[in-house]
Amino acid sequence: MRNICFSWAWLIAGVSLCALGLLLVTGLPFAAKAQEPKRFQYKIVEVLPDTQNMQTKLNEFGANGWELVAVPMGNMTEPRLIFKK
């Protein structure tokens, strides 16, 4: 009975080591790709302070993949929309 248990243990260990060796050779789960640093573009747009004009600009830039990140007020009359992509 003890021989049978050791046989099963050796079989499981052998299969496990073979599978691990195969994974290491093929490198599928361990394929680490070098990550490039993220690069962003920024765009600052001054708009008229009316809602319709701002909404038009927001939709226009959003459709082109730009994300609004800030809305500082320039000279307190002209908002600036700062986009990031």
C-alpha atoms as a PDB file:
ATOM      1  CA  MET A   1       0.000   0.000   0.000  1.00  0.00           C
ATOM      2  CA  ARG A   2       2.822   2.340   0.854  1.00  0.00           C
ATOM      3  CA  ASN A   3       4.494   1.675  -2.515  1.00  0.00           C
ATOM      4  CA  ILE A   4       1.298   2.634  -4.295  1.00  0.00           C
ATOM      5  CA  CYS A   5       1.059   5.958  -2.404  1.00  0.00           C
ATOM      6  CA  PHE A   6       4.664   6.807  -3.228  1.00  0.00           C
ATOM      7  CA  SER A   7       4.065   5.904  -6.873  1.00  0.00           C
ATOM      8  CA  TRP A   8       1.102   8.249  -7.108  1.00  0.00           C
ATOM      9  CA  ALA A   9       3.048  10.994  -5.356  1.00  0.00           C
ATOM     10  CA  TRP A  10       5.982  10.610  -7.774  1.00  0.00           C
ATOM     11  CA  LEU A  11       3.624  10.556 -10.752  1.00  0.00           C
ATOM     12  CA  ILE A  12       1.874  13.763  -9.644  1.00  0.00           C
ATOM     13  CA  ALA A  13       5.213  15.435  -8.898  1.00  0.00           C
ATOM     14  CA  GLY A  14       6.594  14.389 -12.284  1.00  0.00           C
ATOM     15  CA  VAL A  15       3.569  15.630 -14.195  1.00  0.00           C
ATOM     16  CA  SER A  16       3.628  18.911 -12.264  1.00  0.00           C
ATOM     17  CA  LEU A  17       7.324  19.460 -12.975  1.00  0.00           C
ATOM     18  CA  CYS A  18       6.846  18.663 -16.659  1.00  0.00           C
ATOM     19  CA  ALA A  19       3.964  21.115 -16.884  1.00  0.00           C
ATOM     20  CA  LEU A  20       5.990  23.802 -15.108  1.00  0.00           C
ATOM     21  CA  GLY A  21       8.944  23.165 -17.400  1.00  0.00           C
ATOM     22  CA  LEU A  22       6.722  23.432 -20.449  1.00  0.00           C
ATOM     23  CA  LEU A  23       5.274  26.724 -19.219  1.00  0.00           C
ATOM     24  CA  LEU A  24       8.739  28.094 -18.536  1.00  0.00           C
ATOM     25  CA  VAL A  25       9.987  27.075 -21.976  1.00  0.00           C
ATOM     26  CA  THR A  26       7.001  28.513 -23.840  1.00  0.00           C
ATOM     27  CA  GLY A  27       6.866  31.544 -21.556  1.00  0.00           C
ATOM     28  CA  LEU A  28       3.164  32.132 -22.053  1.00  0.00           C
ATOM     29  CA  PRO A  29       2.067  33.164 -18.568  1.00  0.00           C
ATOM     30  CA  PHE A  30       5.387  34.779 -17.709  1.00  0.00           C
ATOM     31  CA  ALA A  31       5.791  36.950 -20.792  1.00  0.00           C
ATOM     32  CA  ALA A  32       6.474  40.338 -19.253  1.00  0.00           C
ATOM     33  CA  LYS A  33       6.357  43.121 -21.775  1.00  0.00           C
ATOM     34  CA  ALA A  34       8.284  46.289 -21.188  1.00  0.00           C
ATOM     35  CA  GLN A  35       5.852  49.077 -20.505  1.00  0.00           C
ATOM     36  CA  GLU A  36       6.411  52.310 -22.284  1.00  0.00           C
ATOM     37  CA  PRO A  37       5.867  55.408 -20.184  1.00  0.00           C
ATOM     38  CA  LYS A  38       2.521  57.010 -20.824  1.00  0.00           C
ATOM     39  CA  ARG A  39       2.708  60.138 -22.877  1.00  0.00           C
ATOM     40  CA  PHE A  40      -0.032  62.726 -22.776  1.00  0.00           C
ATOM     41  CA  GLN A  41      -0.941  65.654 -24.956  1.00  0.00           C
ATOM     42  CA  TYR A  42      -2.589  68.726 -23.498  1.00  0.00           C
ATOM     43  CA  LYS A  43      -4.701  71.361 -25.155  1.00  0.00           C
ATOM     44  CA  ILE A  44      -5.922  74.655 -23.671  1.00  0.00           C
ATOM     45  CA  VAL A  45      -8.966  76.233 -25.262  1.00  0.00           C
ATOM     46  CA  GLU A  46     -10.478  79.588 -24.310  1.00  0.00           C
ATOM     47  CA  VAL A  47     -14.226  79.678 -24.838  1.00  0.00           C
ATOM     48  CA  LEU A  48     -16.977  82.223 -24.526  1.00  0.00           C
ATOM     49  CA  PRO A  49     -18.665  81.975 -21.121  1.00  0.00           C
ATOM     50  CA  ASP A  50     -22.050  80.823 -22.437  1.00  0.00           C
ATOM     51  CA  THR A  51     -23.323  77.308 -21.793  1.00  0.00           C
ATOM     52  CA  GLN A  52     -24.092  76.398 -25.413  1.00  0.00           C
ATOM     53  CA  ASN A  53     -20.616  77.345 -26.640  1.00  0.00           C
ATOM     54  CA  MET A  54     -18.912  75.435 -23.823  1.00  0.00           C
ATOM     55  CA  GLN A  55     -21.090  72.369 -24.415  1.00  0.00           C
ATOM     56  CA  THR A  56     -20.283  72.414 -28.131  1.00  0.00           C
ATOM     57  CA  LYS A  57     -16.530  72.566 -27.439  1.00  0.00           C
ATOM     58  CA  LEU A  58     -16.742  69.824 -24.782  1.00  0.00           C
ATOM     59  CA  ASN A  59     -18.610  67.493 -27.153  1.00  0.00           C
ATOM     60  CA  GLU A  60     -16.242  68.288 -30.026  1.00  0.00           C
ATOM     61  CA  PHE A  61     -13.079  67.521 -28.073  1.00  0.00           C
ATOM     62  CA  GLY A  62     -14.621  64.549 -26.277  1.00  0.00           C
ATOM     63  CA  ALA A  63     -15.554  62.960 -29.609  1.00  0.00           C
ATOM     64  CA  ASN A  64     -11.898  63.260 -30.650  1.00  0.00           C
ATOM     65  CA  GLY A  65     -10.626  61.439 -27.557  1.00  0.00           C
ATOM     66  CA  TRP A  66      -9.772  64.452 -25.372  1.00  0.00           C
ATOM     67  CA  GLU A  67     -10.605  64.366 -21.659  1.00  0.00           C
ATOM     68  CA  LEU A  68     -11.443  67.539 -19.748  1.00  0.00           C
ATOM     69  CA  VAL A  69      -9.102  67.868 -16.752  1.00  0.00           C
ATOM     70  CA  ALA A  70      -9.565  71.455 -15.530  1.00  0.00           C
ATOM     71  CA  VAL A  71     -11.559  74.644 -16.085  1.00  0.00           C
ATOM     72  CA  PRO A  72      -9.633  77.602 -14.693  1.00  0.00           C
ATOM     73  CA  MET A  73     -11.046  81.079 -15.178  1.00  0.00           C
ATOM     74  CA  GLY A  74      -8.564  83.212 -17.117  1.00  0.00           C
ATOM     75  CA  ASN A  75      -9.348  86.825 -16.346  1.00  0.00           C
ATOM     76  CA  MET A  76     -12.605  85.835 -14.633  1.00  0.00           C
ATOM     77  CA  THR A  77     -14.600  86.336 -17.840  1.00  0.00           C
ATOM     78  CA  GLU A  78     -13.196  83.713 -20.214  1.00  0.00           C
ATOM     79  CA  PRO A  79     -13.031  80.138 -18.969  1.00  0.00           C
ATOM     80  CA  ARG A  80     -10.220  77.970 -20.229  1.00  0.00           C
ATOM     81  CA  LEU A  81     -10.900  74.310 -20.927  1.00  0.00           C
ATOM     82  CA  ILE A  82      -7.824  72.140 -20.371  1.00  0.00           C
ATOM     83  CA  PHE A  83      -7.964  68.781 -22.127  1.00  0.00           C
ATOM     84  CA  LYS A  84      -5.673  65.760 -21.911  1.00  0.00           C
ATOM     85  CA  LYS A  85      -5.277  62.903 -24.381  1.00  0.00           C
END
